[in-house]
Amino acid sequence: MKLQELTTIKEMLDQIETMRFLYPNLSIEKYESYLSEMVPNNYIQIAVFDGSICLGITGCWSATKLWTGKYLEIDNFVVNPEFRSKGIGKLLTDYIEQKALNLGCSSIVLDAFTGNFAAHRFYYNQGYVPKGFHFVKVLDESKLTL
């Protein structure tokens, strides 16, 4: 298995079938339109490949908020259903955590749909906790404004 950062819209568009496990009705046109707005705002994707097969993918971007300072946000986290419970999600979250530390982030945040209990369980097991309606994994409390 190989982890790869996808930084161009073309690289991301090439993996639309994996993203469709999360968003089945996502059209290529809409995806490209959204990515055209997201990529210039620091959005990248991280994918896990076995050869040319994308096993899992997630987007992320860093930003700054008053309460947390610099943070990394996970967005659109999906593992191909055929490869779930095989450590793909953990590979992605471990990679993201190291990336956040390298960027000097205080926290990693994400949203999970309220009815997605499998995702809640997964994120709890990775050290994330709900903070309002966001899940937050604090990496360095000294960088928080709260």
N, C-alpha and C. Protein backbone atom coordinates (compact mmCIF):
# COMPACT_ATOMS: atom_id res chain seq x y z
N MET A 1 0.85 -1.19 0.00
CA MET A 1 0.00 0.00 0.00
C MET A 1 0.88 1.24 0.00
N LYS A 2 0.38 2.25 -0.68
CA LYS A 2 1.13 3.49 -0.81
C LYS A 2 0.21 4.66 -0.51
N LEU A 3 0.67 5.58 0.34
CA LEU A 3 -0.04 6.83 0.60
C LEU A 3 0.48 7.88 -0.37
N GLN A 4 -0.44 8.69 -0.89
CA GLN A 4 -0.05 9.73 -1.84
C GLN A 4 -0.88 10.98 -1.61
N GLU A 5 -0.23 12.12 -1.58
CA GLU A 5 -0.95 13.39 -1.53
C GLU A 5 -1.36 13.77 -2.94
N LEU A 6 -2.63 14.09 -3.09
CA LEU A 6 -3.17 14.55 -4.37
C LEU A 6 -3.32 16.06 -4.26
N THR A 7 -2.63 16.78 -5.13
CA THR A 7 -2.63 18.24 -5.01
C THR A 7 -3.21 18.94 -6.22
N THR A 8 -3.46 18.20 -7.30
CA THR A 8 -4.03 18.83 -8.49
C THR A 8 -5.47 18.36 -8.67
N ILE A 9 -6.24 19.19 -9.31
CA ILE A 9 -7.64 18.85 -9.57
C ILE A 9 -7.73 17.58 -10.40
N LYS A 10 -6.86 17.41 -11.38
CA LYS A 10 -6.89 16.22 -12.21
C LYS A 10 -6.66 14.95 -11.38
N GLU A 11 -5.67 14.99 -10.48
CA GLU A 11 -5.41 13.83 -9.63
C GLU A 11 -6.65 13.49 -8.79
N MET A 12 -7.33 14.50 -8.29
CA MET A 12 -8.51 14.30 -7.47
C MET A 12 -9.67 13.77 -8.31
N LEU A 13 -9.86 14.35 -9.48
CA LEU A 13 -10.94 13.90 -10.36
C LEU A 13 -10.76 12.43 -10.75
N ASP A 14 -9.52 12.01 -10.90
CA ASP A 14 -9.25 10.62 -11.27
C ASP A 14 -9.76 9.63 -10.23
N GLN A 15 -9.98 10.10 -9.01
CA GLN A 15 -10.43 9.21 -7.92
C GLN A 15 -11.90 9.44 -7.55
N ILE A 16 -12.68 9.99 -8.46
CA ILE A 16 -14.09 10.28 -8.16
C ILE A 16 -14.86 9.02 -7.77
N GLU A 17 -14.53 7.88 -8.31
CA GLU A 17 -15.28 6.66 -7.98
C GLU A 17 -15.15 6.32 -6.50
N THR A 18 -14.00 6.55 -5.92
CA THR A 18 -13.85 6.31 -4.48
C THR A 18 -14.66 7.34 -3.70
N MET A 19 -14.62 8.60 -4.12
CA MET A 19 -15.40 9.64 -3.44
C MET A 19 -16.90 9.35 -3.54
N ARG A 20 -17.31 8.67 -4.59
CA ARG A 20 -18.74 8.36 -4.76
C ARG A 20 -19.24 7.32 -3.76
N PHE A 21 -18.36 6.62 -3.06
CA PHE A 21 -18.84 5.75 -1.98
C PHE A 21 -19.46 6.60 -0.87
N LEU A 22 -19.00 7.83 -0.74
CA LEU A 22 -19.56 8.76 0.24
C LEU A 22 -20.67 9.61 -0.36
N TYR A 23 -20.49 10.02 -1.60
CA TYR A 23 -21.44 10.89 -2.30
C TYR A 23 -21.83 10.23 -3.62
N PRO A 24 -22.75 9.27 -3.61
CA PRO A 24 -23.06 8.48 -4.81
C PRO A 24 -23.54 9.30 -6.01
N ASN A 25 -24.16 10.43 -5.78
CA ASN A 25 -24.70 11.22 -6.89
C ASN A 25 -23.78 12.36 -7.33
N LEU A 26 -22.55 12.34 -6.89
CA LEU A 26 -21.61 13.41 -7.24
C LEU A 26 -21.24 13.32 -8.72
N SER A 27 -21.59 14.36 -9.46
CA SER A 27 -21.25 14.39 -10.89
C SER A 27 -19.82 14.90 -11.05
N ILE A 28 -19.22 14.51 -12.14
CA ILE A 28 -17.86 14.97 -12.44
C ILE A 28 -17.82 16.49 -12.58
N GLU A 29 -18.89 17.07 -13.14
CA GLU A 29 -18.94 18.52 -13.33
C GLU A 29 -19.00 19.25 -11.98
N LYS A 30 -19.86 18.76 -11.10
CA LYS A 30 -19.99 19.40 -9.79
C LYS A 30 -18.70 19.23 -8.98
N TYR A 31 -18.13 18.03 -9.04
CA TYR A 31 -16.89 17.75 -8.31
C TYR A 31 -15.78 18.69 -8.79
N GLU A 32 -15.65 18.83 -10.11
CA GLU A 32 -14.62 19.71 -10.65
C GLU A 32 -14.88 21.16 -10.26
N SER A 33 -16.12 21.57 -10.28
CA SER A 33 -16.47 22.93 -9.89
C SER A 33 -16.10 23.20 -8.43
N TYR A 34 -16.47 22.27 -7.56
CA TYR A 34 -16.15 22.44 -6.13
C TYR A 34 -14.64 22.44 -5.91
N LEU A 35 -13.96 21.49 -6.54
CA LEU A 35 -12.50 21.42 -6.39
C LEU A 35 -11.83 22.69 -6.89
N SER A 36 -12.38 23.29 -7.93
CA SER A 36 -11.82 24.53 -8.47
C SER A 36 -11.88 25.66 -7.45
N GLU A 37 -12.84 25.59 -6.55
CA GLU A 37 -12.94 26.59 -5.48
C GLU A 37 -12.12 26.18 -4.26
N MET A 38 -12.02 24.88 -4.00
CA MET A 38 -11.36 24.39 -2.79
C MET A 38 -9.83 24.38 -2.89
N VAL A 39 -9.31 23.88 -4.01
CA VAL A 39 -7.86 23.72 -4.15
C VAL A 39 -7.10 25.04 -3.96
N PRO A 40 -7.57 26.17 -4.51
CA PRO A 40 -6.84 27.43 -4.26
C PRO A 40 -6.89 27.88 -2.80
N ASN A 41 -7.76 27.25 -2.01
CA ASN A 41 -7.88 27.58 -0.59
C ASN A 41 -7.24 26.53 0.30
N ASN A 42 -6.15 25.92 -0.20
CA ASN A 42 -5.32 25.05 0.63
C ASN A 42 -5.85 23.62 0.76
N TYR A 43 -6.77 23.21 -0.08
CA TYR A 43 -7.35 21.87 0.00
C TYR A 43 -6.48 20.88 -0.77
N ILE A 44 -6.19 19.75 -0.13
CA ILE A 44 -5.50 18.63 -0.78
C ILE A 44 -6.26 17.35 -0.42
N GLN A 45 -5.90 16.27 -1.06
CA GLN A 45 -6.43 14.96 -0.68
C GLN A 45 -5.26 14.02 -0.43
N ILE A 46 -5.50 13.07 0.44
CA ILE A 46 -4.54 12.01 0.72
C ILE A 46 -5.25 10.71 0.38
N ALA A 47 -4.59 9.88 -0.42
CA ALA A 47 -5.19 8.63 -0.86
C ALA A 47 -4.27 7.46 -0.53
N VAL A 48 -4.89 6.31 -0.29
CA VAL A 48 -4.16 5.06 -0.09
C VAL A 48 -4.42 4.20 -1.32
N PHE A 49 -3.33 3.77 -1.94
CA PHE A 49 -3.42 2.96 -3.16
C PHE A 49 -2.80 1.58 -2.94
N ASP A 50 -3.41 0.61 -3.57
CA ASP A 50 -2.81 -0.70 -3.75
C ASP A 50 -2.66 -0.85 -5.26
N GLY A 51 -1.46 -0.61 -5.75
CA GLY A 51 -1.27 -0.51 -7.20
C GLY A 51 -2.02 0.71 -7.70
N SER A 52 -2.93 0.51 -8.64
CA SER A 52 -3.71 1.63 -9.17
C SER A 52 -5.08 1.74 -8.52
N ILE A 53 -5.38 0.87 -7.56
CA ILE A 53 -6.69 0.87 -6.90
C ILE A 53 -6.66 1.78 -5.68
N CYS A 54 -7.57 2.75 -5.66
CA CYS A 54 -7.69 3.65 -4.51
C CYS A 54 -8.53 2.95 -3.45
N LEU A 55 -7.91 2.67 -2.31
CA LEU A 55 -8.60 1.98 -1.21
C LEU A 55 -9.33 2.94 -0.29
N GLY A 56 -8.81 4.15 -0.17
CA GLY A 56 -9.42 5.16 0.70
C GLY A 56 -8.86 6.52 0.36
N ILE A 57 -9.64 7.53 0.71
CA ILE A 57 -9.23 8.90 0.37
C ILE A 57 -9.85 9.86 1.38
N THR A 58 -9.15 10.93 1.64
CA THR A 58 -9.71 12.00 2.46
C THR A 58 -9.15 13.33 1.99
N GLY A 59 -9.94 14.35 2.14
CA GLY A 59 -9.47 15.69 1.89
C GLY A 59 -9.05 16.31 3.21
N CYS A 60 -8.23 17.34 3.12
CA CYS A 60 -7.90 18.10 4.32
C CYS A 60 -7.40 19.48 3.91
N TRP A 61 -7.52 20.38 4.84
CA TRP A 61 -6.98 21.72 4.65
C TRP A 61 -6.69 22.33 6.00
N SER A 62 -5.74 23.24 6.01
CA SER A 62 -5.41 23.92 7.26
C SER A 62 -5.92 25.35 7.20
N ALA A 63 -6.22 25.85 8.36
CA ALA A 63 -6.70 27.22 8.49
C ALA A 63 -6.44 27.67 9.93
N THR A 64 -6.92 28.84 10.26
CA THR A 64 -6.73 29.39 11.60
C THR A 64 -8.06 29.93 12.11
N LYS A 65 -8.35 29.63 13.37
CA LYS A 65 -9.53 30.17 14.06
C LYS A 65 -9.06 30.79 15.37
N LEU A 66 -9.85 31.71 15.89
CA LEU A 66 -9.47 32.38 17.13
C LEU A 66 -9.35 31.40 18.30
N TRP A 67 -10.24 30.43 18.41
CA TRP A 67 -10.24 29.55 19.58
C TRP A 67 -9.15 28.50 19.55
N THR A 68 -8.67 28.15 18.36
CA THR A 68 -7.73 27.03 18.27
C THR A 68 -6.39 27.41 17.64
N GLY A 69 -6.31 28.58 17.03
CA GLY A 69 -5.12 28.89 16.25
C GLY A 69 -5.13 28.05 14.99
N LYS A 70 -3.96 27.64 14.52
CA LYS A 70 -3.87 26.85 13.30
C LYS A 70 -4.37 25.43 13.56
N TYR A 71 -5.19 24.93 12.64
CA TYR A 71 -5.74 23.58 12.76
C TYR A 71 -5.78 22.93 11.39
N LEU A 72 -5.92 21.63 11.37
CA LEU A 72 -6.10 20.88 10.13
C LEU A 72 -7.49 20.28 10.17
N GLU A 73 -8.23 20.46 9.10
CA GLU A 73 -9.58 19.91 9.02
C GLU A 73 -9.63 18.76 8.04
N ILE A 74 -10.17 17.64 8.52
CA ILE A 74 -10.42 16.48 7.67
C ILE A 74 -11.77 16.69 7.01
N ASP A 75 -11.83 16.42 5.72
CA ASP A 75 -13.06 16.64 4.98
C ASP A 75 -13.24 15.50 3.97
N ASN A 76 -14.40 14.88 3.95
CA ASN A 76 -14.72 13.85 2.96
C ASN A 76 -13.86 12.59 3.12
N PHE A 77 -13.91 12.00 4.28
CA PHE A 77 -13.12 10.80 4.62
C PHE A 77 -13.90 9.57 4.18
N VAL A 78 -13.33 8.76 3.29
CA VAL A 78 -14.04 7.59 2.78
C VAL A 78 -13.07 6.45 2.51
N VAL A 79 -13.48 5.25 2.90
CA VAL A 79 -12.74 4.03 2.59
C VAL A 79 -13.67 3.15 1.74
N ASN A 80 -13.13 2.63 0.67
CA ASN A 80 -13.87 1.71 -0.19
C ASN A 80 -14.46 0.60 0.68
N PRO A 81 -15.78 0.36 0.61
CA PRO A 81 -16.42 -0.64 1.48
C PRO A 81 -15.77 -2.03 1.42
N GLU A 82 -15.19 -2.39 0.29
CA GLU A 82 -14.54 -3.70 0.17
C GLU A 82 -13.27 -3.80 1.00
N PHE A 83 -12.73 -2.65 1.44
CA PHE A 83 -11.46 -2.65 2.16
C PHE A 83 -11.58 -2.09 3.57
N ARG A 84 -12.80 -1.95 4.09
CA ARG A 84 -12.98 -1.44 5.44
C ARG A 84 -12.54 -2.47 6.47
N SER A 85 -12.19 -1.98 7.64
CA SER A 85 -11.70 -2.81 8.75
C SER A 85 -10.40 -3.52 8.40
N LYS A 86 -9.59 -2.88 7.56
CA LYS A 86 -8.29 -3.44 7.18
C LYS A 86 -7.16 -2.45 7.48
N GLY A 87 -7.45 -1.42 8.28
CA GLY A 87 -6.42 -0.46 8.68
C GLY A 87 -6.23 0.72 7.75
N ILE A 88 -7.04 0.83 6.70
CA ILE A 88 -6.90 1.93 5.74
C ILE A 88 -7.21 3.27 6.42
N GLY A 89 -8.30 3.32 7.16
CA GLY A 89 -8.68 4.56 7.85
C GLY A 89 -7.60 4.99 8.83
N LYS A 90 -7.03 4.05 9.57
CA LYS A 90 -5.97 4.38 10.53
C LYS A 90 -4.73 4.90 9.80
N LEU A 91 -4.40 4.32 8.66
CA LEU A 91 -3.27 4.84 7.87
C LEU A 91 -3.51 6.31 7.52
N LEU A 92 -4.73 6.62 7.10
CA LEU A 92 -5.05 7.99 6.73
C LEU A 92 -5.00 8.93 7.94
N THR A 93 -5.60 8.53 9.06
CA THR A 93 -5.59 9.43 10.22
C THR A 93 -4.19 9.59 10.80
N ASP A 94 -3.39 8.55 10.79
CA ASP A 94 -2.00 8.67 11.26
C ASP A 94 -1.22 9.64 10.39
N TYR A 95 -1.41 9.54 9.08
CA TYR A 95 -0.72 10.43 8.14
C TYR A 95 -1.16 11.88 8.39
N ILE A 96 -2.45 12.07 8.54
CA ILE A 96 -2.99 13.42 8.77
C ILE A 96 -2.46 13.99 10.09
N GLU A 97 -2.40 13.16 11.12
CA GLU A 97 -1.88 13.65 12.40
C GLU A 97 -0.44 14.12 12.26
N GLN A 98 0.39 13.35 11.57
CA GLN A 98 1.78 13.77 11.38
C GLN A 98 1.86 15.04 10.55
N LYS A 99 1.02 15.15 9.53
CA LYS A 99 0.98 16.35 8.70
C LYS A 99 0.60 17.56 9.55
N ALA A 100 -0.40 17.40 10.41
CA ALA A 100 -0.83 18.50 11.28
C ALA A 100 0.30 18.93 12.22
N LEU A 101 0.98 17.96 12.79
CA LEU A 101 2.11 18.29 13.67
C LEU A 101 3.20 19.03 12.89
N ASN A 102 3.51 18.56 11.69
CA ASN A 102 4.53 19.20 10.85
C ASN A 102 4.14 20.63 10.49
N LEU A 103 2.83 20.89 10.35
CA LEU A 103 2.36 22.24 10.02
C LEU A 103 2.25 23.14 11.26
N GLY A 104 2.48 22.59 12.45
CA GLY A 104 2.37 23.37 13.68
C GLY A 104 0.95 23.58 14.15
N CYS A 105 0.05 22.67 13.79
CA CYS A 105 -1.35 22.79 14.17
C CYS A 105 -1.56 22.41 15.63
N SER A 106 -2.54 23.03 16.25
CA SER A 106 -2.92 22.70 17.62
C SER A 106 -3.91 21.54 17.65
N SER A 107 -4.68 21.37 16.56
CA SER A 107 -5.80 20.44 16.57
C SER A 107 -6.08 19.90 15.18
N ILE A 108 -6.81 18.80 15.16
CA ILE A 108 -7.41 18.28 13.94
C ILE A 108 -8.91 18.27 14.19
N VAL A 109 -9.69 18.76 13.24
CA VAL A 109 -11.14 18.79 13.40
C VAL A 109 -11.80 18.10 12.22
N LEU A 110 -13.02 17.65 12.43
CA LEU A 110 -13.79 17.03 11.36
C LEU A 110 -15.25 17.04 11.72
N ASP A 111 -16.06 16.84 10.72
CA ASP A 111 -17.49 16.67 10.91
C ASP A 111 -17.83 15.24 10.53
N ALA A 112 -18.77 14.66 11.26
CA ALA A 112 -19.29 13.33 10.92
C ALA A 112 -20.81 13.42 10.97
N PHE A 113 -21.44 12.84 9.97
CA PHE A 113 -22.89 12.87 9.96
C PHE A 113 -23.44 12.25 11.24
N THR A 114 -24.50 12.82 11.78
CA THR A 114 -25.00 12.39 13.09
C THR A 114 -25.42 10.93 13.11
N GLY A 115 -25.90 10.39 12.02
CA GLY A 115 -26.32 8.99 12.00
C GLY A 115 -25.24 8.01 11.63
N ASN A 116 -24.02 8.47 11.41
CA ASN A 116 -22.93 7.60 10.98
C ASN A 116 -22.19 7.07 12.20
N PHE A 117 -22.82 6.13 12.89
CA PHE A 117 -22.28 5.62 14.15
C PHE A 117 -20.97 4.87 13.97
N ALA A 118 -20.79 4.22 12.83
CA ALA A 118 -19.52 3.53 12.58
C ALA A 118 -18.38 4.55 12.52
N ALA A 119 -18.63 5.69 11.89
CA ALA A 119 -17.61 6.74 11.83
C ALA A 119 -17.34 7.30 13.23
N HIS A 120 -18.40 7.51 14.01
CA HIS A 120 -18.21 8.02 15.37
C HIS A 120 -17.31 7.08 16.16
N ARG A 121 -17.60 5.79 16.10
CA ARG A 121 -16.80 4.79 16.82
C ARG A 121 -15.35 4.83 16.34
N PHE A 122 -15.15 4.90 15.02
CA PHE A 122 -13.80 4.95 14.47
C PHE A 122 -13.06 6.18 14.99
N TYR A 123 -13.70 7.36 14.93
CA TYR A 123 -13.01 8.58 15.37
C TYR A 123 -12.73 8.56 16.87
N TYR A 124 -13.67 8.07 17.67
CA TYR A 124 -13.40 7.92 19.10
C TYR A 124 -12.16 7.05 19.31
N ASN A 125 -12.07 5.95 18.60
CA ASN A 125 -10.93 5.03 18.74
C ASN A 125 -9.61 5.66 18.30
N GLN A 126 -9.68 6.71 17.48
CA GLN A 126 -8.47 7.42 17.04
C GLN A 126 -8.12 8.60 17.94
N GLY A 127 -8.90 8.80 19.01
CA GLY A 127 -8.61 9.86 19.96
C GLY A 127 -9.37 11.16 19.75
N TYR A 128 -10.33 11.17 18.85
CA TYR A 128 -11.14 12.36 18.62
C TYR A 128 -12.32 12.36 19.59
N VAL A 129 -12.73 13.55 20.01
CA VAL A 129 -13.88 13.70 20.90
C VAL A 129 -14.79 14.80 20.36
N PRO A 130 -16.11 14.70 20.63
CA PRO A 130 -17.01 15.76 20.15
C PRO A 130 -16.79 17.06 20.92
N LYS A 131 -16.79 18.15 20.20
CA LYS A 131 -16.67 19.49 20.78
C LYS A 131 -17.75 20.29 20.07
N GLY A 132 -18.91 20.36 20.66
CA GLY A 132 -20.05 20.89 19.93
C GLY A 132 -20.47 19.80 18.95
N PHE A 133 -20.63 20.16 17.71
CA PHE A 133 -20.96 19.18 16.69
C PHE A 133 -19.76 18.87 15.81
N HIS A 134 -18.58 19.23 16.25
CA HIS A 134 -17.35 18.89 15.55
C HIS A 134 -16.57 17.90 16.41
N PHE A 135 -15.82 17.03 15.77
CA PHE A 135 -14.89 16.17 16.49
C PHE A 135 -13.54 16.85 16.45
N VAL A 136 -12.88 16.87 17.60
CA VAL A 136 -11.60 17.56 17.71
C VAL A 136 -10.59 16.65 18.40
N LYS A 137 -9.41 16.59 17.86
CA LYS A 137 -8.30 15.91 18.52
C LYS A 137 -7.26 16.98 18.80
N VAL A 138 -7.14 17.38 20.04
CA VAL A 138 -6.20 18.43 20.42
C VAL A 138 -4.80 17.83 20.41
N LEU A 139 -3.91 18.47 19.67
CA LEU A 139 -2.53 18.01 19.57
C LEU A 139 -1.59 18.77 20.50
N ASP A 140 -1.93 20.01 20.82
CA ASP A 140 -1.07 20.82 21.68
C ASP A 140 -1.93 21.88 22.35
N GLU A 141 -2.34 21.63 23.59
CA GLU A 141 -3.23 22.55 24.31
C GLU A 141 -2.64 23.93 24.47
N SER A 142 -1.32 24.05 24.51
CA SER A 142 -0.71 25.36 24.71
C SER A 142 -0.96 26.30 23.53
N LYS A 143 -1.36 25.76 22.40
CA LYS A 143 -1.63 26.59 21.22
C LYS A 143 -3.09 27.01 21.13
N LEU A 144 -3.95 26.52 22.04
CA LEU A 144 -5.37 26.88 22.03
C LEU A 144 -5.59 28.24 22.68
N THR A 145 -6.58 28.99 22.21
CA THR A 145 -6.93 30.26 22.81
C THR A 145 -7.83 30.07 24.03
N LEU A 146 -8.63 29.01 24.03
CA LEU A 146 -9.55 28.76 25.16
C LEU A 146 -8.85 28.56 26.46
